[in-house]
Amino acid sequence: MHTLRTTFSAVCFALGFATSVSAMAAQAGSAQQVLFQSDGLIPNSRLPVLIYRNVPLDGDKAAAFEQLFTRNGWPAQWRAGIFDYHHYHSNAHEVLGVASGTARITLGGEHGEHFDIGPGDVLVLPAGTGHRRIEQSSDFMVVGAYPRGQESYDIQRADRTTLAAAQARIAQVPMPEADPVTGRQGVLMSVWARL
């Protein structure tokens, strides 16, 4: 599996308080892009996964993620962990915000890439992106959300016989109205819209 990585500065506009752009950029750090190709079982996407590290949030991180995602057009749907089997969503993009604990996950399918994630980290997964949890701390919890209009997400497992139908559904998933972390002028809008 070949991955394409680029890192670029991200400005976090959706924190709910006024501050300078340069100060917010320093707080938000960077968003990493990782692109996965289909492996014949997991379709993945032509759009890159976005990984934000240490998004600055005050107070209860779960509640703060719910407010942030909802404010940016990704209504929060649940608080839980990540399944321990490879799966993807063929009819919705997904955002996962780590509210507590740590985990090691795989993105991209069986031959994908491992990532360690912790509190404040956010994964923006385009429809079709394979993901699973390998291990986690006892207090691991993420907030999951989907773009407005995509809340009825499906759960697909790696299966060669359903791949073509899943790819057809993925091609029909609309672009979100905003980045779940950085809003309408955010990173997702500038990166995904180019592809």
C-alpha atoms as a PDB file:
ATOM      1  CA  MET A   1       0.000   0.000   0.000  1.00  0.00           C
ATOM      2  CA  HIS A   2       1.391   3.324  -1.034  1.00  0.00           C
ATOM      3  CA  THR A   3       0.622   6.378   1.041  1.00  0.00           C
ATOM      4  CA  LEU A   4       1.125   9.986   0.157  1.00  0.00           C
ATOM      5  CA  ARG A   5       1.890  12.271   3.063  1.00  0.00           C
ATOM      6  CA  THR A   6       2.041  16.009   3.205  1.00  0.00           C
ATOM      7  CA  THR A   7       1.947  18.252   6.190  1.00  0.00           C
ATOM      8  CA  PHE A   8       0.783  21.818   6.159  1.00  0.00           C
ATOM      9  CA  SER A   9      -0.127  24.530   8.633  1.00  0.00           C
ATOM     10  CA  ALA A  10      -3.743  24.538   9.808  1.00  0.00           C
ATOM     11  CA  VAL A  11      -5.599  27.424  11.401  1.00  0.00           C
ATOM     12  CA  CYS A  12      -8.232  26.417  13.928  1.00  0.00           C
ATOM     13  CA  PHE A  13     -11.013  29.028  13.616  1.00  0.00           C
ATOM     14  CA  ALA A  14     -13.737  27.152  15.482  1.00  0.00           C
ATOM     15  CA  LEU A  15     -12.589  27.475  19.083  1.00  0.00           C
ATOM     16  CA  GLY A  16     -15.372  29.822  20.098  1.00  0.00           C
ATOM     17  CA  PHE A  17     -13.262  32.799  21.154  1.00  0.00           C
ATOM     18  CA  ALA A  18     -11.443  35.618  19.391  1.00  0.00           C
ATOM     19  CA  THR A  19      -7.708  35.426  18.961  1.00  0.00           C
ATOM     20  CA  SER A  20      -5.173  36.248  16.274  1.00  0.00           C
ATOM     21  CA  VAL A  21      -4.748  33.932  13.281  1.00  0.00           C
ATOM     22  CA  SER A  22      -1.067  33.388  14.071  1.00  0.00           C
ATOM     23  CA  ALA A  23      -1.807  32.448  17.688  1.00  0.00           C
ATOM     24  CA  MET A  24      -4.503  29.990  16.604  1.00  0.00           C
ATOM     25  CA  ALA A  25      -2.192  28.448  14.013  1.00  0.00           C
ATOM     26  CA  ALA A  26       0.451  27.918  16.672  1.00  0.00           C
ATOM     27  CA  GLN A  27      -2.130  26.283  18.983  1.00  0.00           C
ATOM     28  CA  ALA A  28      -3.647  24.052  16.296  1.00  0.00           C
ATOM     29  CA  GLY A  29      -0.305  22.848  14.990  1.00  0.00           C
ATOM     30  CA  SER A  30      -0.653  21.077  11.664  1.00  0.00           C
ATOM     31  CA  ALA A  31      -2.977  18.695   9.859  1.00  0.00           C
ATOM     32  CA  GLN A  32      -1.363  15.690   8.252  1.00  0.00           C
ATOM     33  CA  GLN A  33      -2.771  14.284   5.003  1.00  0.00           C
ATOM     34  CA  VAL A  34      -2.549  10.551   4.328  1.00  0.00           C
ATOM     35  CA  LEU A  35      -3.850   9.004   1.116  1.00  0.00           C
ATOM     36  CA  PHE A  36      -4.690   5.295   0.800  1.00  0.00           C
ATOM     37  CA  GLN A  37      -5.455   3.370  -2.378  1.00  0.00           C
ATOM     38  CA  SER A  38      -7.911   0.489  -2.620  1.00  0.00           C
ATOM     39  CA  ASP A  39      -6.404  -2.825  -1.558  1.00  0.00           C
ATOM     40  CA  GLY A  40      -9.068  -4.893  -3.316  1.00  0.00           C
ATOM     41  CA  LEU A  41     -11.072  -5.336  -0.107  1.00  0.00           C
ATOM     42  CA  ILE A  42     -11.238  -1.832   1.386  1.00  0.00           C
ATOM     43  CA  PRO A  43     -12.008   0.890  -1.187  1.00  0.00           C
ATOM     44  CA  ASN A  44     -10.408   3.818   0.656  1.00  0.00           C
ATOM     45  CA  SER A  45     -10.724   7.157  -1.138  1.00  0.00           C
ATOM     46  CA  ARG A  46      -9.261   9.572  -3.665  1.00  0.00           C
ATOM     47  CA  LEU A  47      -9.499  12.112  -0.815  1.00  0.00           C
ATOM     48  CA  PRO A  48      -6.837  12.134   1.920  1.00  0.00           C
ATOM     49  CA  VAL A  49      -7.457  11.429   5.574  1.00  0.00           C
ATOM     50  CA  LEU A  50      -6.785  14.541   7.674  1.00  0.00           C
ATOM     51  CA  ILE A  51      -5.167  14.078  11.094  1.00  0.00           C
ATOM     52  CA  TYR A  52      -5.171  17.008  13.512  1.00  0.00           C
ATOM     53  CA  ARG A  53      -2.990  16.637  16.604  1.00  0.00           C
ATOM     54  CA  ASN A  54      -3.713  18.223  19.993  1.00  0.00           C
ATOM     55  CA  VAL A  55      -6.643  20.421  18.989  1.00  0.00           C
ATOM     56  CA  PRO A  56      -6.828  22.926  21.871  1.00  0.00           C
ATOM     57  CA  LEU A  57     -10.096  22.488  23.777  1.00  0.00           C
ATOM     58  CA  ASP A  58     -11.169  23.810  27.158  1.00  0.00           C
ATOM     59  CA  GLY A  59     -12.920  21.752  29.833  1.00  0.00           C
ATOM     60  CA  ASP A  60     -14.687  18.481  29.027  1.00  0.00           C
ATOM     61  CA  LYS A  61     -13.123  17.377  25.716  1.00  0.00           C
ATOM     62  CA  ALA A  62     -16.087  15.203  24.705  1.00  0.00           C
ATOM     63  CA  ALA A  63     -18.559  18.061  25.132  1.00  0.00           C
ATOM     64  CA  ALA A  64     -16.141  20.475  23.456  1.00  0.00           C
ATOM     65  CA  PHE A  65     -15.762  18.162  20.430  1.00  0.00           C
ATOM     66  CA  GLU A  66     -19.548  17.760  20.211  1.00  0.00           C
ATOM     67  CA  GLN A  67     -19.986  21.533  20.159  1.00  0.00           C
ATOM     68  CA  LEU A  68     -17.111  22.098  17.705  1.00  0.00           C
ATOM     69  CA  PHE A  69     -18.223  19.442  15.229  1.00  0.00           C
ATOM     70  CA  THR A  70     -21.898  20.449  15.409  1.00  0.00           C
ATOM     71  CA  ARG A  71     -21.051  24.129  14.955  1.00  0.00           C
ATOM     72  CA  ASN A  72     -19.160  23.204  11.769  1.00  0.00           C
ATOM     73  CA  GLY A  73     -22.010  21.174  10.239  1.00  0.00           C
ATOM     74  CA  TRP A  74     -20.993  17.718  11.499  1.00  0.00           C
ATOM     75  CA  PRO A  75     -23.635  16.944  14.184  1.00  0.00           C
ATOM     76  CA  ALA A  76     -22.136  14.752  16.901  1.00  0.00           C
ATOM     77  CA  GLN A  77     -23.721  11.275  16.892  1.00  0.00           C
ATOM     78  CA  TRP A  78     -22.056   9.188  19.569  1.00  0.00           C
ATOM     79  CA  ARG A  79     -19.393   8.707  22.240  1.00  0.00           C
ATOM     80  CA  ALA A  80     -17.677   5.303  22.213  1.00  0.00           C
ATOM     81  CA  GLY A  81     -14.546   3.513  21.056  1.00  0.00           C
ATOM     82  CA  ILE A  82     -13.465   2.350  17.591  1.00  0.00           C
ATOM     83  CA  PHE A  83     -14.336  -1.160  16.379  1.00  0.00           C
ATOM     84  CA  ASP A  84     -11.467  -3.665  16.512  1.00  0.00           C
ATOM     85  CA  TYR A  85     -12.151  -4.951  12.979  1.00  0.00           C
ATOM     86  CA  HIS A  86     -11.469  -3.317   9.610  1.00  0.00           C
ATOM     87  CA  HIS A  87     -14.527  -1.408   8.452  1.00  0.00           C
ATOM     88  CA  TYR A  88     -15.520   1.674   6.490  1.00  0.00           C
ATOM     89  CA  HIS A  89     -18.568   3.772   5.633  1.00  0.00           C
ATOM     90  CA  SER A  90     -19.660   3.853   1.996  1.00  0.00           C
ATOM     91  CA  ASN A  91     -22.307   6.569   2.357  1.00  0.00           C
ATOM     92  CA  ALA A  92     -20.741   9.087   4.752  1.00  0.00           C
ATOM     93  CA  HIS A  93     -17.560  10.880   5.694  1.00  0.00           C
ATOM     94  CA  GLU A  94     -16.665  10.543   9.406  1.00  0.00           C
ATOM     95  CA  VAL A  95     -14.819  12.569  12.016  1.00  0.00           C
ATOM     96  CA  LEU A  96     -13.450  11.045  15.229  1.00  0.00           C
ATOM     97  CA  GLY A  97     -12.279  13.291  18.072  1.00  0.00           C
ATOM     98  CA  VAL A  98     -10.309  11.624  20.871  1.00  0.00           C
ATOM     99  CA  ALA A  99     -11.877  12.841  24.122  1.00  0.00           C
ATOM    100  CA  SER A 100      -9.850  10.653  26.516  1.00  0.00           C
ATOM    101  CA  GLY A 101      -7.305   7.869  26.628  1.00  0.00           C
ATOM    102  CA  THR A 102      -4.981   6.581  23.943  1.00  0.00           C
ATOM    103  CA  ALA A 103      -5.162   3.984  21.205  1.00  0.00           C
ATOM    104  CA  ARG A 104      -3.237   2.494  18.324  1.00  0.00           C
ATOM    105  CA  ILE A 105      -5.304   2.268  15.146  1.00  0.00           C
ATOM    106  CA  THR A 106      -4.877   1.106  11.567  1.00  0.00           C
ATOM    107  CA  LEU A 107      -6.073   3.244   8.667  1.00  0.00           C
ATOM    108  CA  GLY A 108      -6.312   2.039   5.077  1.00  0.00           C
ATOM    109  CA  GLY A 109      -7.108  -1.657   5.565  1.00  0.00           C
ATOM    110  CA  GLU A 110      -5.082  -4.750   6.371  1.00  0.00           C
ATOM    111  CA  HIS A 111      -1.970  -3.372   4.678  1.00  0.00           C
ATOM    112  CA  GLY A 112      -2.566   0.194   5.820  1.00  0.00           C
ATOM    113  CA  GLU A 113      -0.664   2.268   8.327  1.00  0.00           C
ATOM    114  CA  HIS A 114      -0.676   2.348  12.147  1.00  0.00           C
ATOM    115  CA  PHE A 115      -1.189   5.559  14.114  1.00  0.00           C
ATOM    116  CA  ASP A 116      -1.051   6.323  17.829  1.00  0.00           C
ATOM    117  CA  ILE A 117      -3.770   8.758  18.890  1.00  0.00           C
ATOM    118  CA  GLY A 118      -4.519  10.560  22.141  1.00  0.00           C
ATOM    119  CA  PRO A 119      -6.613  13.321  23.718  1.00  0.00           C
ATOM    120  CA  GLY A 120      -7.283  16.249  21.402  1.00  0.00           C
ATOM    121  CA  ASP A 121      -6.433  14.326  18.226  1.00  0.00           C
ATOM    122  CA  VAL A 122      -8.959  14.359  15.370  1.00  0.00           C
ATOM    123  CA  LEU A 123      -9.248  12.018  12.381  1.00  0.00           C
ATOM    124  CA  VAL A 124     -11.295  13.164   9.381  1.00  0.00           C
ATOM    125  CA  LEU A 125     -12.017  10.039   7.333  1.00  0.00           C
ATOM    126  CA  PRO A 126     -13.393  10.390   3.801  1.00  0.00           C
ATOM    127  CA  ALA A 127     -16.074   7.835   2.847  1.00  0.00           C
ATOM    128  CA  GLY A 128     -14.480   4.469   2.097  1.00  0.00           C
ATOM    129  CA  THR A 129     -11.496   4.830   4.431  1.00  0.00           C
ATOM    130  CA  GLY A 130     -10.746   1.599   6.264  1.00  0.00           C
ATOM    131  CA  HIS A 131     -10.148   1.917  10.000  1.00  0.00           C
ATOM    132  CA  ARG A 132      -9.879  -0.271  13.098  1.00  0.00           C
ATOM    133  CA  ARG A 133      -8.527  -0.190  16.642  1.00  0.00           C
ATOM    134  CA  ILE A 134      -5.548  -2.393  17.479  1.00  0.00           C
ATOM    135  CA  GLU A 135      -5.256  -1.569  21.187  1.00  0.00           C
ATOM    136  CA  GLN A 136      -6.506   1.074  23.606  1.00  0.00           C
ATOM    137  CA  SER A 137      -6.212   2.343  27.152  1.00  0.00           C
ATOM    138  CA  SER A 138      -9.094   1.584  29.513  1.00  0.00           C
ATOM    139  CA  ASP A 139     -10.338   5.192  29.340  1.00  0.00           C
ATOM    140  CA  PHE A 140     -10.227   5.543  25.537  1.00  0.00           C
ATOM    141  CA  MET A 141     -13.246   7.378  24.100  1.00  0.00           C
ATOM    142  CA  VAL A 142     -13.913   9.196  20.850  1.00  0.00           C
ATOM    143  CA  VAL A 143     -16.718  11.485  19.714  1.00  0.00           C
ATOM    144  CA  GLY A 144     -18.039  10.457  16.301  1.00  0.00           C
ATOM    145  CA  ALA A 145     -19.816  12.715  13.838  1.00  0.00           C
ATOM    146  CA  TYR A 146     -20.856  12.876  10.193  1.00  0.00           C
ATOM    147  CA  PRO A 147     -21.652  15.804   7.903  1.00  0.00           C
ATOM    148  CA  ARG A 148     -25.204  17.103   8.053  1.00  0.00           C
ATOM    149  CA  GLY A 149     -27.350  14.868   5.831  1.00  0.00           C
ATOM    150  CA  GLN A 150     -25.001  11.873   6.203  1.00  0.00           C
ATOM    151  CA  GLU A 151     -26.011  10.833   9.735  1.00  0.00           C
ATOM    152  CA  SER A 152     -27.475   7.476   8.552  1.00  0.00           C
ATOM    153  CA  TYR A 153     -24.058   5.955   7.994  1.00  0.00           C
ATOM    154  CA  ASP A 154     -23.530   2.316   7.083  1.00  0.00           C
ATOM    155  CA  ILE A 155     -20.861  -0.058   8.364  1.00  0.00           C
ATOM    156  CA  GLN A 156     -19.098  -2.097   5.690  1.00  0.00           C
ATOM    157  CA  ARG A 157     -16.497  -4.801   6.248  1.00  0.00           C
ATOM    158  CA  ALA A 158     -13.662  -5.821   3.934  1.00  0.00           C
ATOM    159  CA  ASP A 159     -15.273  -7.912   1.196  1.00  0.00           C
ATOM    160  CA  ARG A 160     -14.176  -8.280  -2.422  1.00  0.00           C
ATOM    161  CA  THR A 161     -17.692  -9.231  -3.556  1.00  0.00           C
ATOM    162  CA  THR A 162     -19.245  -5.931  -2.395  1.00  0.00           C
ATOM    163  CA  LEU A 163     -16.353  -3.629  -3.341  1.00  0.00           C
ATOM    164  CA  ALA A 164     -17.719  -2.393  -6.701  1.00  0.00           C
ATOM    165  CA  ALA A 165     -21.131  -1.499  -5.230  1.00  0.00           C
ATOM    166  CA  ALA A 166     -19.456   0.258  -2.290  1.00  0.00           C
ATOM    167  CA  GLN A 167     -17.211   2.256  -4.638  1.00  0.00           C
ATOM    168  CA  ALA A 168     -20.297   3.392  -6.596  1.00  0.00           C
ATOM    169  CA  ARG A 169     -21.926   4.631  -3.361  1.00  0.00           C
ATOM    170  CA  ILE A 170     -18.714   6.368  -2.242  1.00  0.00           C
ATOM    171  CA  ALA A 171     -18.545   8.269  -5.540  1.00  0.00           C
ATOM    172  CA  GLN A 172     -21.987   9.749  -4.747  1.00  0.00           C
ATOM    173  CA  VAL A 173     -21.163  11.014  -1.234  1.00  0.00           C
ATOM    174  CA  PRO A 174     -21.347  14.834  -1.327  1.00  0.00           C
ATOM    175  CA  MET A 175     -18.597  17.156  -0.179  1.00  0.00           C
ATOM    176  CA  PRO A 176     -19.118  18.479   3.371  1.00  0.00           C
ATOM    177  CA  GLU A 177     -20.045  22.141   3.784  1.00  0.00           C
ATOM    178  CA  ALA A 178     -17.150  22.732   6.203  1.00  0.00           C
ATOM    179  CA  ASP A 179     -14.129  21.191   7.869  1.00  0.00           C
ATOM    180  CA  PRO A 180     -15.292  19.718  11.225  1.00  0.00           C
ATOM    181  CA  VAL A 181     -12.374  21.380  13.052  1.00  0.00           C
ATOM    182  CA  THR A 182     -11.502  24.528  11.116  1.00  0.00           C
ATOM    183  CA  GLY A 183     -14.872  25.476   9.596  1.00  0.00           C
ATOM    184  CA  ARG A 184     -15.950  26.820   6.214  1.00  0.00           C
ATOM    185  CA  GLN A 185     -12.574  28.353   5.410  1.00  0.00           C
ATOM    186  CA  GLY A 186     -10.750  25.351   6.818  1.00  0.00           C
ATOM    187  CA  VAL A 187      -8.226  22.812   5.728  1.00  0.00           C
ATOM    188  CA  LEU A 188     -10.657  20.198   4.383  1.00  0.00           C
ATOM    189  CA  MET A 189     -12.286  22.752   2.107  1.00  0.00           C
ATOM    190  CA  SER A 190      -8.994  23.765   0.515  1.00  0.00           C
ATOM    191  CA  VAL A 191      -7.578  20.218   0.229  1.00  0.00           C
ATOM    192  CA  TRP A 192     -10.596  18.059  -0.686  1.00  0.00           C
ATOM    193  CA  ALA A 193     -12.048  20.655  -3.072  1.00  0.00           C
ATOM    194  CA  ARG A 194      -8.874  20.504  -5.198  1.00  0.00           C
ATOM    195  CA  LEU A 195      -9.239  16.768  -5.821  1.00  0.00           C
END
